[in-house]
C-alpha atoms as a PDB file:
ATOM      1  CA  MET A   1     -24.884   8.922  23.280  1.00  0.00           C
ATOM      2  CA  PRO A   2     -23.096  11.434  21.498  1.00  0.00           C
ATOM      3  CA  CYS A   3     -22.985  15.374  21.691  1.00  0.00           C
ATOM      4  CA  SER A   4     -26.517  16.841  21.674  1.00  0.00           C
ATOM      5  CA  HIS A   5     -25.323  19.487  19.080  1.00  0.00           C
ATOM      6  CA  PRO A   6     -26.854  18.683  15.470  1.00  0.00           C
ATOM      7  CA  GLY A   7     -24.460  16.600  13.349  1.00  0.00           C
ATOM      8  CA  CYS A   8     -21.762  16.487  16.085  1.00  0.00           C
ATOM      9  CA  GLY A   9     -20.736  13.032  16.736  1.00  0.00           C
ATOM     10  CA  ALA A  10     -18.447  13.535  19.815  1.00  0.00           C
ATOM     11  CA  ARG A  11     -18.604  12.483  23.011  1.00  0.00           C
ATOM     12  CA  PRO A  12     -20.154  14.762  25.778  1.00  0.00           C
ATOM     13  CA  MET A  13     -18.543  16.105  28.665  1.00  0.00           C
ATOM     14  CA  LYS A  14     -18.945  13.872  31.682  1.00  0.00           C
ATOM     15  CA  ASP A  15     -21.480  16.633  33.160  1.00  0.00           C
ATOM     16  CA  GLY A  16     -23.593  17.401  30.406  1.00  0.00           C
ATOM     17  CA  ASP A  17     -24.837  16.611  27.016  1.00  0.00           C
ATOM     18  CA  TYR A  18     -22.756  18.526  24.743  1.00  0.00           C
ATOM     19  CA  CYS A  19     -19.053  17.992  23.798  1.00  0.00           C
ATOM     20  CA  PHE A  20     -16.634  21.331  25.038  1.00  0.00           C
ATOM     21  CA  VAL A  21     -16.765  22.684  21.540  1.00  0.00           C
ATOM     22  CA  HIS A  22     -20.499  23.140  21.369  1.00  0.00           C
ATOM     23  CA  ASP A  23     -21.326  23.071  25.399  1.00  0.00           C
ATOM     24  CA  PRO A  24     -23.429  26.572  25.756  1.00  0.00           C
ATOM     25  CA  ARG A  25     -23.087  26.729  29.478  1.00  0.00           C
ATOM     26  CA  PRO A  26     -21.117  29.877  30.498  1.00  0.00           C
ATOM     27  CA  GLU A  27     -18.499  28.382  32.490  1.00  0.00           C
ATOM     28  CA  VAL A  28     -17.736  26.113  29.378  1.00  0.00           C
ATOM     29  CA  VAL A  29     -17.980  29.165  27.092  1.00  0.00           C
ATOM     30  CA  ALA A  30     -15.381  30.829  29.225  1.00  0.00           C
ATOM     31  CA  ARG A  31     -12.978  27.712  29.462  1.00  0.00           C
ATOM     32  CA  ARG A  32     -13.334  27.646  25.664  1.00  0.00           C
ATOM     33  CA  GLN A  33     -12.503  31.354  25.099  1.00  0.00           C
ATOM     34  CA  ALA A  34      -9.659  31.154  27.452  1.00  0.00           C
ATOM     35  CA  ALA A  35      -8.131  27.995  25.691  1.00  0.00           C
ATOM     36  CA  ARG A  36      -8.571  29.772  22.258  1.00  0.00           C
ATOM     37  CA  CYS A  37      -6.918  32.846  23.552  1.00  0.00           C
ATOM     38  CA  ALA A  38      -4.025  30.855  25.106  1.00  0.00           C
ATOM     39  CA  GLY A  39      -3.460  29.035  21.569  1.00  0.00           C
ATOM     40  CA  GLY A  40      -0.084  29.390  20.537  1.00  0.00           C
ATOM     41  CA  LYS A  41       1.208  30.828  23.442  1.00  0.00           C
ATOM     42  CA  SER A  42       2.198  28.103  25.679  1.00  0.00           C
ATOM     43  CA  LYS A  43       5.516  26.481  25.986  1.00  0.00           C
ATOM     44  CA  LYS A  44       7.191  24.988  23.151  1.00  0.00           C
ATOM     45  CA  VAL A  45       5.495  21.725  22.585  1.00  0.00           C
ATOM     46  CA  LYS A  46       7.900  18.660  22.424  1.00  0.00           C
ATOM     47  CA  VAL A  47       7.234  16.530  19.770  1.00  0.00           C
ATOM     48  CA  PRO A  48       7.665  12.847  21.258  1.00  0.00           C
ATOM     49  CA  ARG A  49      10.188  10.842  19.379  1.00  0.00           C
ATOM     50  CA  THR A  50       9.854   7.560  21.534  1.00  0.00           C
ATOM     51  CA  ILE A  51       7.140   5.400  22.965  1.00  0.00           C
ATOM     52  CA  ALA A  52       8.458   6.317  26.353  1.00  0.00           C
ATOM     53  CA  GLU A  53       8.247  10.290  25.957  1.00  0.00           C
ATOM     54  CA  VAL A  54       4.278   9.573  24.880  1.00  0.00           C
ATOM     55  CA  LYS A  55       3.709   7.633  27.966  1.00  0.00           C
ATOM     56  CA  GLU A  56       5.784  10.519  30.098  1.00  0.00           C
ATOM     57  CA  ILE A  57       3.306  13.061  28.285  1.00  0.00           C
ATOM     58  CA  LEU A  58       0.097  11.146  29.351  1.00  0.00           C
ATOM     59  CA  GLY A  59       1.384  10.546  32.794  1.00  0.00           C
ATOM     60  CA  ARG A  60       2.123  14.227  33.136  1.00  0.00           C
ATOM     61  CA  ALA A  61      -1.256  14.877  32.131  1.00  0.00           C
ATOM     62  CA  MET A  62      -2.872  12.501  34.842  1.00  0.00           C
ATOM     63  CA  VAL A  63      -0.902  14.044  37.580  1.00  0.00           C
ATOM     64  CA  GLU A  64      -1.859  17.565  36.691  1.00  0.00           C
ATOM     65  CA  GLY A  65      -5.341  16.335  36.903  1.00  0.00           C
ATOM     66  CA  LYS A  66      -6.424  16.549  33.314  1.00  0.00           C
ATOM     67  CA  SER A  67     -10.322  15.535  32.972  1.00  0.00           C
ATOM     68  CA  PRO A  68     -11.180  12.391  31.549  1.00  0.00           C
ATOM     69  CA  GLU A  69     -12.083  13.855  28.074  1.00  0.00           C
ATOM     70  CA  GLU A  70      -8.878  15.374  27.807  1.00  0.00           C
ATOM     71  CA  LEU A  71      -6.750  12.199  28.835  1.00  0.00           C
ATOM     72  CA  ALA A  72      -8.870  10.149  26.395  1.00  0.00           C
ATOM     73  CA  ALA A  73      -8.056  13.041  23.571  1.00  0.00           C
ATOM     74  CA  LEU A  74      -4.564  12.588  24.601  1.00  0.00           C
ATOM     75  CA  ALA A  75      -4.508   8.616  24.744  1.00  0.00           C
ATOM     76  CA  ARG A  76      -6.148   8.819  21.168  1.00  0.00           C
ATOM     77  CA  ILE A  77      -3.224  11.230  19.746  1.00  0.00           C
ATOM     78  CA  ALA A  78      -0.803   8.802  21.413  1.00  0.00           C
ATOM     79  CA  GLN A  79      -2.624   5.836  19.426  1.00  0.00           C
ATOM     80  CA  THR A  80      -2.480   7.500  16.500  1.00  0.00           C
ATOM     81  CA  TRP A  81       1.024   8.743  16.838  1.00  0.00           C
ATOM     82  CA  ILE A  82       2.198   5.331  17.881  1.00  0.00           C
ATOM     83  CA  ALA A  83       0.350   3.750  14.552  1.00  0.00           C
ATOM     84  CA  ALA A  84       2.058   6.395  12.558  1.00  0.00           C
ATOM     85  CA  SER A  85       5.520   5.770  13.962  1.00  0.00           C
ATOM     86  CA  ASP A  86       4.910   1.987  13.313  1.00  0.00           C
ATOM     87  CA  LYS A  87       4.229   1.522   9.794  1.00  0.00           C
ATOM     88  CA  ASP A  88       7.249   0.043   9.141  1.00  0.00           C
ATOM     89  CA  TYR A  89       7.201  -2.425  11.801  1.00  0.00           C
ATOM     90  CA  ASP A  90       7.072  -5.650   9.971  1.00  0.00           C
ATOM     91  CA  GLU A  91      10.152  -4.571   8.031  1.00  0.00           C
ATOM     92  CA  ARG A  92      12.283  -3.561  11.405  1.00  0.00           C
ATOM     93  CA  ILE A  93      11.201  -6.824  12.948  1.00  0.00           C
ATOM     94  CA  LYS A  94      12.443  -8.742   9.689  1.00  0.00           C
ATOM     95  CA  ARG A  95      15.556  -6.699   9.692  1.00  0.00           C
ATOM     96  CA  LEU A  96      16.178  -7.427  13.609  1.00  0.00           C
ATOM     97  CA  GLU A  97      15.560 -11.273  13.164  1.00  0.00           C
ATOM     98  CA  GLN A  98      18.169 -11.144  10.105  1.00  0.00           C
ATOM     99  CA  THR A  99      20.782  -9.475  12.449  1.00  0.00           C
ATOM    100  CA  HIS A 100      19.916 -11.099  15.883  1.00  0.00           C
ATOM    101  CA  GLY A 101      17.895 -14.285  15.036  1.00  0.00           C
ATOM    102  CA  THR A 102      14.346 -15.238  15.835  1.00  0.00           C
ATOM    103  CA  ASN A 103      12.283 -16.082  19.148  1.00  0.00           C
ATOM    104  CA  GLU A 104      12.423 -19.498  18.247  1.00  0.00           C
ATOM    105  CA  GLY A 105      16.154 -20.002  19.300  1.00  0.00           C
ATOM    106  CA  ASN A 106      17.789 -19.744  15.309  1.00  0.00           C
ATOM    107  CA  LYS A 107      20.816 -18.334  15.350  1.00  0.00           C
ATOM    108  CA  ALA A 108      21.631 -14.918  13.759  1.00  0.00           C
ATOM    109  CA  GLN A 109      22.555 -14.930  10.080  1.00  0.00           C
ATOM    110  CA  PRO A 110      25.785 -12.952   9.546  1.00  0.00           C
ATOM    111  CA  SER A 111      25.125  -9.759   7.762  1.00  0.00           C
ATOM    112  CA  SER A 112      26.184  -9.225   4.078  1.00  0.00           C
ATOM    113  CA  ASP A 113      26.761  -5.796   4.583  1.00  0.00           C
END
């Protein structure tokens, strides 16, 4: 069931009917305002360059006790990052197979470079 705010399709927070952006409860409004004030003031964000770094960020978030909603958002970001970084996946596999052979036991072909 989506957020109760008209036109919003986001998942509601675990303990309410609204998503974080639309929840009218005073404690959530205060958290939202604090998040807005902190925007851009946190430590420099390290952009992950490898899947291992993406896993590290997710693992750290889990240890820090992030909410399920925050973890889900991070997982979606990670999934998008991985998909965007692997656009040339087929081409990379082709080059690796040409250089190192395939899983079917074919011998590697000498490079023409």
